Amino acid sequence: MNQSHFYPIGTLGKPWGSDEFAQWRARQVRRRSYADDVLSRMNGLRAHFDVATYGEVAYGDERFPLMAIRSRNWQSHLPIVLVTGGVHGYETSGVHGALGFVEAHAQSYTDRVNLLVVPCVSPWAYERIQRWNFDAIDPNRSFREASPAQESAALMRLIAPWRGKFVAHIDLHETTDSDESEYLPAVASRDGKRFEPHSIPDGFYLVDDAANPQPAFQQAIIEAVQQVTHIAPADEHGEIIGSLLVAHGVIHYAMQALGLCAGITGARYTTTTEVYPDSLRATPEQCIAAQVAAVCAAIDFITNTPLSLTE
């Protein structure tokens, strides 16, 4: 490594080659169990929901079943809602928020919507508390045709039969201090670029689709979540993570153009949640509760909106 470099792997101005990728992979240590934390809880839901494998992630000798939870009494006339968590494996509250929603609330919605919930899209990364997958690819920039990420490709295959029929998709994420201390430096190093520091917003915020903004939907979620935890303010530039604040706690991203998970369904109502688990003003439990509140508020909004507006 170049001693003046900002990351333990790589040299400024030189993208990673096979040696650097191998060094990065060797640093990834298994720190928690997908089977114990996620699969065991999903097995406990089988009495009331259909829990099934929709694919497998295979890296070397490791195999991870990809699991989805589906409403048991699927009704063709009801709107379809997708909830995803763990697209980035290190974003813990997204995984446990999705599971917590199903355990505590999903049954109360089964006569109002068809639910499809994928709590942990990226199990290898969940175990390593890592944003990237085994191949140092960000799954949440890989939801596109011929995806290079196994996790993204598998989820797109799962939802393909209903694409265009979803009414809403809530994708549960976090913005963490490790984005600045680990992930963004790693991205810059991997690509041979200089690392440019950014600020991390303190609080919850939402990412709406720039190509299909739904401000009333986003604000309904913000109003519910602010009963649980604080909403992130804009920085001195009127921005959050480099994007202009368009409403209280809301920014815009071009979801499909960027290959984001929240752009895969063609749903009218989509959002990416972002909580800040490193805040001194929030506990891990609050972060999970915020994710659960966001999902409930999203479903409440669409089921209380006239059908003509959701078609």
Protein backbone atom coordinates (compact mmCIF):
# COMPACT_ATOMS: atom_id res chain seq x y z
CA MET A 1 0.00 0.00 0.00
CA ASN A 2 1.12 3.54 -0.68
CA GLN A 3 1.75 4.94 2.82
CA SER A 4 0.10 8.26 1.91
CA HIS A 5 -3.05 6.42 0.89
CA PHE A 6 -6.34 6.70 2.82
CA TYR A 7 -7.26 2.98 2.82
CA PRO A 8 -5.26 -0.11 3.86
CA ILE A 9 -5.52 -1.57 0.35
CA GLY A 10 -4.58 -0.03 -2.96
CA THR A 11 -2.62 2.86 -4.44
CA LEU A 12 -3.99 6.26 -5.35
CA GLY A 13 -4.52 6.51 -9.10
CA LYS A 14 -4.53 2.75 -9.65
CA PRO A 15 -7.80 0.74 -9.63
CA TRP A 16 -7.72 -2.55 -7.79
CA GLY A 17 -6.59 -5.69 -9.52
CA SER A 18 -6.97 -9.31 -8.45
CA ASP A 19 -4.40 -8.97 -5.64
CA GLU A 20 -6.23 -6.04 -4.06
CA PHE A 21 -9.61 -7.76 -4.29
CA ALA A 22 -8.09 -10.82 -2.62
CA GLN A 23 -6.64 -8.64 0.14
CA TRP A 24 -10.00 -6.98 0.70
CA ARG A 25 -11.81 -10.32 0.82
CA ALA A 26 -9.29 -11.69 3.33
CA ARG A 27 -10.19 -8.83 5.68
CA GLN A 28 -13.88 -9.80 5.78
CA VAL A 29 -14.52 -11.76 8.96
CA ARG A 30 -17.77 -13.53 9.81
CA ARG A 31 -19.19 -11.65 12.78
CA ARG A 32 -22.77 -12.90 13.10
CA SER A 33 -25.03 -15.70 11.88
CA TYR A 34 -27.63 -15.34 9.15
CA ALA A 35 -29.06 -18.72 10.14
CA ASP A 36 -29.45 -17.77 13.80
CA ASP A 37 -30.53 -14.16 13.36
CA VAL A 38 -32.71 -14.35 10.26
CA LEU A 39 -33.62 -17.86 9.14
CA SER A 40 -34.65 -19.00 12.61
CA ARG A 41 -37.05 -16.05 12.94
CA MET A 42 -38.44 -16.68 9.47
CA ASN A 43 -39.10 -20.31 10.37
CA GLY A 44 -41.18 -19.08 13.28
CA LEU A 45 -43.50 -17.30 10.83
CA ARG A 46 -44.52 -20.40 8.88
CA ALA A 47 -47.72 -20.89 10.88
CA HIS A 48 -49.23 -17.73 9.36
CA PHE A 49 -47.25 -16.99 6.18
CA ASP A 50 -45.72 -18.79 3.23
CA VAL A 51 -41.96 -18.80 3.77
CA ALA A 52 -40.00 -20.08 0.80
CA THR A 53 -36.59 -20.08 -0.84
CA TYR A 54 -36.33 -17.95 -3.97
CA GLY A 55 -32.68 -18.58 -4.77
CA GLU A 56 -29.22 -19.09 -3.37
CA VAL A 57 -26.06 -17.03 -3.02
CA ALA A 58 -22.92 -19.12 -3.56
CA TYR A 59 -19.43 -17.84 -2.78
CA GLY A 60 -16.66 -20.44 -2.67
CA ASP A 61 -17.75 -23.15 -0.26
CA GLU A 62 -20.44 -20.99 1.32
CA ARG A 63 -24.09 -21.30 0.38
CA PHE A 64 -26.85 -19.01 1.61
CA PRO A 65 -30.54 -19.69 0.93
CA LEU A 66 -32.45 -16.58 -0.07
CA MET A 67 -35.81 -16.47 1.66
CA ALA A 68 -39.05 -14.56 1.17
CA ILE A 69 -42.23 -14.24 3.23
CA ARG A 70 -45.54 -14.07 1.38
CA SER A 71 -49.16 -13.58 2.40
CA ARG A 72 -50.76 -17.00 2.66
CA ASN A 73 -54.15 -16.00 1.26
CA TRP A 74 -52.90 -14.15 -1.82
CA GLN A 75 -55.88 -12.41 -3.43
CA SER A 76 -55.70 -11.19 -7.01
CA HIS A 77 -57.86 -8.13 -6.36
CA LEU A 78 -55.64 -6.74 -3.58
CA PRO A 79 -52.70 -4.37 -4.13
CA ILE A 80 -49.23 -5.94 -3.86
CA VAL A 81 -46.65 -4.45 -1.50
CA LEU A 82 -42.96 -5.38 -1.45
CA VAL A 83 -40.80 -4.83 1.64
CA THR A 84 -37.05 -5.41 1.39
CA GLY A 85 -34.26 -5.22 3.95
CA GLY A 86 -30.59 -6.10 4.08
CA VAL A 87 -29.76 -5.11 0.52
CA HIS A 88 -26.69 -3.79 2.31
CA GLY A 89 -25.85 -6.46 4.85
CA TYR A 90 -24.39 -4.06 7.40
CA GLU A 91 -27.65 -2.11 7.73
CA THR A 92 -28.98 -4.09 10.66
CA SER A 93 -32.25 -2.29 11.36
CA GLY A 94 -33.45 -2.92 7.82
CA VAL A 95 -33.24 -6.68 8.31
CA HIS A 96 -34.72 -6.67 11.78
CA GLY A 97 -37.24 -3.99 10.91
CA ALA A 98 -38.62 -6.13 8.09
CA LEU A 99 -38.82 -9.14 10.39
CA GLY A 100 -40.31 -7.09 13.20
CA PHE A 101 -43.00 -5.73 10.89
CA VAL A 102 -44.05 -9.23 9.83
CA GLU A 103 -44.02 -10.57 13.39
CA ALA A 104 -46.00 -7.70 14.93
CA HIS A 105 -48.15 -6.18 12.19
CA ALA A 106 -48.36 -8.08 8.92
CA GLN A 107 -51.35 -10.23 9.87
CA SER A 108 -53.44 -7.11 10.41
CA TYR A 109 -52.88 -6.15 6.77
CA THR A 110 -53.57 -9.48 5.06
CA ASP A 111 -57.13 -8.53 4.13
CA ARG A 112 -55.95 -5.20 2.69
CA VAL A 113 -52.79 -6.02 0.71
CA ASN A 114 -50.79 -8.92 -0.64
CA LEU A 115 -47.43 -8.79 1.14
CA LEU A 116 -44.07 -9.96 -0.17
CA VAL A 117 -41.26 -9.42 2.34
CA VAL A 118 -37.57 -10.17 1.78
CA PRO A 119 -35.84 -9.36 5.08
CA CYS A 120 -32.23 -10.05 4.08
CA VAL A 121 -31.29 -9.67 0.42
CA SER A 122 -27.53 -9.97 1.08
CA PRO A 123 -26.79 -12.71 3.65
CA TRP A 124 -23.02 -12.98 3.04
CA ALA A 125 -22.71 -9.24 3.70
CA TYR A 126 -25.05 -9.50 6.71
CA GLU A 127 -22.67 -11.93 8.36
CA ARG A 128 -19.63 -9.72 7.64
CA ILE A 129 -21.44 -6.45 8.51
CA GLN A 130 -20.40 -5.24 5.08
CA ARG A 131 -22.03 -3.10 2.40
CA TRP A 132 -20.45 -4.87 -0.57
CA ASN A 133 -20.95 -8.49 -1.52
CA PHE A 134 -18.15 -11.07 -1.81
CA ASP A 135 -17.08 -9.57 -5.16
CA ALA A 136 -16.76 -6.03 -3.73
CA ILE A 137 -19.92 -5.02 -5.61
CA ASP A 138 -22.63 -2.81 -4.15
CA PRO A 139 -25.90 -4.70 -4.68
CA ASN A 140 -27.82 -1.43 -4.44
CA ARG A 141 -26.22 -0.15 -7.61
CA SER A 142 -26.73 -3.46 -9.41
CA PHE A 143 -30.48 -3.83 -9.96
CA ARG A 144 -30.30 -3.86 -13.73
CA GLU A 145 -30.29 -6.29 -16.65
CA ALA A 146 -27.38 -8.76 -16.53
CA SER A 147 -26.68 -7.71 -12.95
CA PRO A 148 -23.15 -8.49 -11.72
CA ALA A 149 -24.50 -9.12 -8.19
CA GLN A 150 -26.02 -12.51 -7.40
CA GLU A 151 -28.20 -10.94 -4.71
CA SER A 152 -29.69 -8.33 -7.01
CA ALA A 153 -30.29 -10.75 -9.88
CA ALA A 154 -32.07 -13.21 -7.59
CA LEU A 155 -34.42 -10.58 -6.18
CA MET A 156 -35.30 -9.35 -9.67
CA ARG A 157 -36.16 -12.91 -10.70
CA LEU A 158 -38.38 -13.26 -7.63
CA ILE A 159 -40.48 -10.18 -8.34
CA ALA A 160 -40.57 -10.56 -12.15
CA PRO A 161 -44.02 -12.27 -12.30
CA TRP A 162 -45.61 -9.28 -10.53
CA ARG A 163 -43.55 -6.46 -12.00
CA GLY A 164 -45.92 -3.65 -12.92
CA LYS A 165 -48.54 -4.99 -10.49
CA PHE A 166 -46.94 -3.72 -7.29
CA VAL A 167 -48.52 -0.66 -5.72
CA ALA A 168 -45.73 0.03 -3.24
CA HIS A 169 -42.15 -0.92 -2.40
CA ILE A 170 -40.48 0.05 0.87
CA ASP A 171 -36.72 -0.63 0.91
CA LEU A 172 -35.19 -0.40 4.39
CA HIS A 173 -31.67 1.06 4.75
CA GLU A 174 -29.30 2.86 7.10
CA THR A 175 -26.73 5.64 6.73
CA THR A 176 -23.88 4.89 9.15
CA ASP A 177 -20.61 6.41 10.33
CA SER A 178 -18.87 3.49 8.62
CA ASP A 179 -19.93 4.97 5.29
CA GLU A 180 -17.25 7.62 5.89
CA SER A 181 -14.74 5.52 7.81
CA GLU A 182 -14.87 2.36 5.65
CA TYR A 183 -17.19 2.19 2.68
CA LEU A 184 -16.55 5.44 0.80
CA PRO A 185 -12.77 5.20 1.29
CA ALA A 186 -12.94 1.62 0.01
CA VAL A 187 -14.92 2.69 -3.06
CA ALA A 188 -12.44 5.43 -3.87
CA SER A 189 -9.50 3.08 -3.36
CA ARG A 190 -11.08 0.33 -5.46
CA ASP A 191 -11.60 2.76 -8.32
CA GLY A 192 -8.19 4.40 -7.98
CA LYS A 193 -9.69 7.75 -7.01
CA ARG A 194 -9.04 10.26 -4.23
CA PHE A 195 -11.36 10.05 -1.24
CA GLU A 196 -13.49 13.15 -0.68
CA PRO A 197 -15.02 13.28 2.83
CA HIS A 198 -18.72 14.01 3.30
CA SER A 199 -20.95 14.58 6.29
CA ILE A 200 -23.28 11.94 7.73
CA PRO A 201 -26.84 13.15 8.45
CA ASP A 202 -28.02 12.70 12.02
CA GLY A 203 -31.48 11.20 11.85
CA PHE A 204 -34.03 9.45 9.68
CA TYR A 205 -34.71 10.48 6.09
CA LEU A 206 -36.30 9.12 2.92
CA VAL A 207 -35.19 8.82 -0.68
CA ASP A 208 -38.02 9.38 -3.18
CA ASP A 209 -37.81 8.54 -6.89
CA ALA A 210 -36.79 11.58 -8.95
CA ALA A 211 -38.64 10.14 -11.95
CA ASN A 212 -41.83 9.45 -9.99
CA PRO A 213 -42.03 11.71 -6.93
CA GLN A 214 -44.81 11.02 -4.46
CA PRO A 215 -44.55 13.78 -1.83
CA ALA A 216 -47.75 12.97 0.07
CA PHE A 217 -46.66 9.33 0.45
CA GLN A 218 -43.21 10.33 1.71
CA GLN A 219 -44.60 12.85 4.19
CA ALA A 220 -47.05 10.32 5.61
CA ILE A 221 -44.07 8.11 6.43
CA ILE A 222 -42.06 11.00 7.89
CA GLU A 223 -44.97 11.99 10.12
CA ALA A 224 -45.23 8.45 11.49
CA VAL A 225 -41.51 7.96 11.99
CA GLN A 226 -40.95 11.26 13.79
CA GLN A 227 -43.11 9.85 16.58
CA VAL A 228 -40.37 7.24 17.05
CA THR A 229 -37.09 9.00 16.26
CA HIS A 230 -35.80 12.33 14.98
CA ILE A 231 -35.74 13.38 11.33
CA ALA A 232 -32.42 14.40 9.76
CA PRO A 233 -31.98 18.11 9.00
CA ALA A 234 -30.31 19.43 5.87
CA ASP A 235 -26.66 20.44 6.02
CA GLU A 236 -25.37 23.97 5.46
CA HIS A 237 -25.93 23.54 1.71
CA GLY A 238 -29.57 22.54 2.11
CA GLU A 239 -28.65 18.95 1.26
CA ILE A 240 -28.55 15.44 2.68
CA ILE A 241 -25.72 13.21 1.37
CA GLY A 242 -25.19 15.61 -1.51
CA SER A 243 -28.82 15.78 -2.65
CA LEU A 244 -31.11 18.77 -2.23
CA LEU A 245 -33.72 18.46 0.50
CA VAL A 246 -37.07 18.65 -1.34
CA ALA A 247 -39.29 18.34 1.75
CA HIS A 248 -38.93 17.66 5.46
CA GLY A 249 -36.69 14.58 5.61
CA VAL A 250 -36.92 13.79 1.88
CA ILE A 251 -34.42 13.80 -0.99
CA HIS A 252 -34.63 12.50 -4.57
CA TYR A 253 -32.56 9.85 -6.39
CA ALA A 254 -32.98 8.51 -9.92
CA MET A 255 -33.80 5.01 -8.74
CA GLN A 256 -33.86 3.03 -11.98
CA ALA A 257 -30.99 4.91 -13.59
CA LEU A 258 -28.80 4.23 -10.55
CA GLY A 259 -29.78 0.56 -10.31
CA LEU A 260 -31.39 0.95 -6.89
CA CYS A 261 -33.52 -1.74 -5.30
CA ALA A 262 -36.47 0.62 -4.83
CA GLY A 263 -36.72 1.00 -8.62
CA ILE A 264 -37.29 -2.66 -9.51
CA THR A 265 -41.06 -3.07 -9.19
CA GLY A 266 -42.57 -0.32 -11.33
CA ALA A 267 -44.73 0.57 -8.32
CA ARG A 268 -46.34 3.98 -8.07
CA TYR A 269 -45.31 4.39 -4.43
CA THR A 270 -41.66 3.68 -3.64
CA THR A 271 -39.26 4.83 -0.96
CA THR A 272 -35.87 4.04 0.50
CA THR A 273 -35.70 4.58 4.25
CA GLU A 274 -32.49 5.70 5.94
CA VAL A 275 -31.94 5.62 9.69
CA TYR A 276 -28.79 6.69 11.54
CA PRO A 277 -27.87 3.98 14.07
CA ASP A 278 -24.75 5.86 15.28
CA SER A 279 -26.73 8.84 16.53
CA LEU A 280 -26.40 9.80 20.17
CA ARG A 281 -30.12 10.53 20.02
CA ALA A 282 -31.30 7.06 18.95
CA THR A 283 -30.91 3.50 20.16
CA PRO A 284 -30.73 0.36 17.99
CA GLU A 285 -34.24 -0.45 19.17
CA GLN A 286 -35.50 2.94 18.02
CA CYS A 287 -33.93 2.43 14.62
CA ILE A 288 -35.73 -0.89 14.21
CA ALA A 289 -38.97 0.68 15.45
CA ALA A 290 -38.55 3.50 12.92
CA GLN A 291 -38.30 0.98 10.10
CA VAL A 292 -41.42 -0.81 11.31
CA ALA A 293 -43.29 2.50 11.61
CA ALA A 294 -42.25 3.41 8.06
CA VAL A 295 -43.64 0.19 6.62
CA CYS A 296 -46.91 0.50 8.51
CA ALA A 297 -47.33 4.13 7.48
CA ALA A 298 -46.64 3.30 3.84
CA ILE A 299 -49.27 0.55 3.79
CA ASP A 300 -51.76 2.67 5.71
CA PHE A 301 -51.30 5.43 3.14
CA ILE A 302 -51.92 3.27 0.08
CA THR A 303 -54.86 1.43 1.61
CA ASN A 304 -56.48 4.71 2.62
CA THR A 305 -55.90 6.28 -0.81
CA PRO A 306 -58.71 5.93 -3.40
CA LEU A 307 -58.08 2.94 -5.67
CA SER A 308 -58.04 5.12 -8.77
CA LEU A 309 -54.91 6.81 -7.45
CA THR A 310 -53.04 3.55 -6.91
CA GLU A 311 -53.80 1.86 -10.21
